[in-house]
Protein backbone atom coordinates (compact mmCIF):
# COMPACT_ATOMS: atom_id res chain seq x y z
CA UNK A 1 -31.11 -125.63 114.13
CA UNK A 2 -34.43 -124.01 114.89
CA UNK A 3 -34.96 -122.94 118.42
CA UNK A 4 -37.70 -124.43 120.57
CA UNK A 5 -40.54 -121.97 121.02
CA UNK A 6 -42.01 -123.39 124.25
CA UNK A 7 -40.59 -122.04 127.47
CA UNK A 8 -38.79 -119.14 125.81
CA UNK A 9 -41.98 -117.77 124.25
CA UNK A 10 -43.89 -118.28 127.51
CA UNK A 11 -41.23 -116.37 129.42
CA UNK A 12 -41.39 -113.44 127.03
CA UNK A 13 -45.18 -113.46 127.06
CA UNK A 14 -45.24 -113.48 130.86
CA UNK A 15 -42.85 -110.54 130.96
CA UNK A 16 -44.44 -108.50 128.17
CA UNK A 17 -48.08 -109.30 128.81
CA UNK A 18 -50.26 -107.91 126.04
CA UNK A 19 -47.65 -105.42 124.84
CA UNK A 20 -46.31 -106.60 121.45
CA UNK A 21 -43.73 -103.79 121.36
CA UNK A 22 -42.24 -104.92 124.66
CA UNK A 23 -42.29 -108.54 123.48
CA UNK A 24 -40.35 -107.55 120.35
CA UNK A 25 -37.91 -105.45 122.37
CA UNK A 26 -37.19 -108.29 124.82
CA UNK A 27 -36.69 -110.72 121.95
CA UNK A 28 -34.35 -108.28 120.20
CA UNK A 29 -32.34 -107.86 123.41
CA UNK A 30 -32.01 -111.63 123.69
CA UNK A 31 -30.82 -111.94 120.09
CA UNK A 32 -28.30 -109.12 120.61
CA UNK A 33 -26.96 -110.65 123.82
CA UNK A 34 -26.76 -114.04 122.15
CA UNK A 35 -24.67 -112.59 119.32
CA UNK A 36 -22.34 -110.84 121.76
CA UNK A 37 -21.71 -113.98 123.82
CA UNK A 38 -21.12 -116.11 120.73
CA UNK A 39 -18.66 -113.50 119.47
CA UNK A 40 -16.82 -113.60 122.81
CA UNK A 41 -16.61 -117.38 122.56
CA UNK A 42 -15.22 -117.12 119.03
CA UNK A 43 -12.51 -114.73 120.22
CA UNK A 44 -11.62 -116.64 123.41
CA UNK A 45 -8.11 -118.06 123.27
CA UNK A 46 -7.67 -119.19 126.85
CA UNK A 47 -9.64 -121.36 129.24
CA UNK A 48 -10.61 -118.42 131.45
CA UNK A 49 -12.13 -116.31 128.66
CA UNK A 50 -13.87 -119.31 127.11
CA UNK A 51 -15.34 -120.38 130.44
CA UNK A 52 -16.52 -116.86 131.30
CA UNK A 53 -18.24 -116.41 127.93
CA UNK A 54 -19.85 -119.87 128.15
CA UNK A 55 -21.09 -119.13 131.67
CA UNK A 56 -22.56 -115.82 130.53
CA UNK A 57 -24.22 -117.58 127.61
CA UNK A 58 -25.64 -120.17 130.01
CA UNK A 59 -26.94 -117.41 132.28
CA UNK A 60 -28.63 -115.70 129.35
CA UNK A 61 -30.22 -118.98 128.28
CA UNK A 62 -31.39 -119.81 131.79
CA UNK A 63 -32.89 -116.39 132.42
CA UNK A 64 -34.96 -116.68 129.24
CA UNK A 65 -35.75 -120.39 129.83
CA UNK A 66 -34.11 -121.51 126.58
CA UNK A 67 -33.33 -125.15 127.32
CA UNK A 68 -31.67 -125.81 123.96
CA UNK A 69 -29.28 -122.92 124.51
CA UNK A 70 -28.52 -124.05 128.08
CA UNK A 71 -27.49 -127.43 126.65
CA UNK A 72 -25.25 -125.75 124.05
CA UNK A 73 -23.66 -123.55 126.72
CA UNK A 74 -23.01 -126.62 128.84
CA UNK A 75 -21.40 -128.27 125.84
CA UNK A 76 -19.17 -125.20 125.45
CA UNK A 77 -18.24 -125.37 129.15
CA UNK A 78 -17.21 -128.99 128.69
CA UNK A 79 -15.23 -128.22 125.53
CA UNK A 80 -11.92 -126.61 124.79
CA UNK A 81 -11.51 -122.95 123.81
CA UNK A 82 -12.31 -122.45 120.14
CA UNK A 83 -14.05 -125.82 119.78
CA UNK A 84 -15.29 -125.59 116.17
CA UNK A 85 -18.15 -128.07 116.69
CA UNK A 86 -19.61 -126.03 119.54
CA UNK A 87 -19.17 -122.77 117.66
CA UNK A 88 -20.93 -124.23 114.59
CA UNK A 89 -23.86 -125.43 116.71
CA UNK A 90 -24.16 -122.06 118.41
CA UNK A 91 -24.01 -120.30 115.05
CA UNK A 92 -26.76 -122.54 113.69
CA UNK A 93 -28.86 -121.88 116.80
CA UNK A 94 -28.42 -118.12 116.44
CA UNK A 95 -29.17 -118.25 112.69
CA UNK A 96 -32.31 -120.32 113.28
CA UNK A 97 -33.39 -118.00 116.04
CA UNK A 98 -32.78 -114.85 114.00
CA UNK A 99 -34.63 -116.24 111.01
CA UNK A 100 -37.72 -116.61 113.22
CA UNK A 101 -37.81 -112.84 113.76
C-alpha cells in the first residue's frame, strides 16, 4: 500500500519551509514513530495495550495529516488485540511509506 502524498507532504512542507534537511528529518521522525507504534501493536496482548498503541498511532497520523493512517488506526481501534489483518495492512503501509524515502 503506497501512502497518499497529499496532506502529509503539505504538512511537512509547511513545517520545514524551504529547508530540505528539516523536511527529511521530520519525515524520518514520522517513519521512526510509525515503526515504534506498529511494534507496540504487534506486542500488545491485552485490550488496554492494544487500544493505547492504536490511539498513539492515530495521534501520530492526525498530527501529520495522514488520512490513510488515521483510517488504519481506527480499524485497529475497532479490532481485537493482535488482529492479523490490521497488522498486515499497517505493515504494508509502513513498507510503502519507507520505500518512498
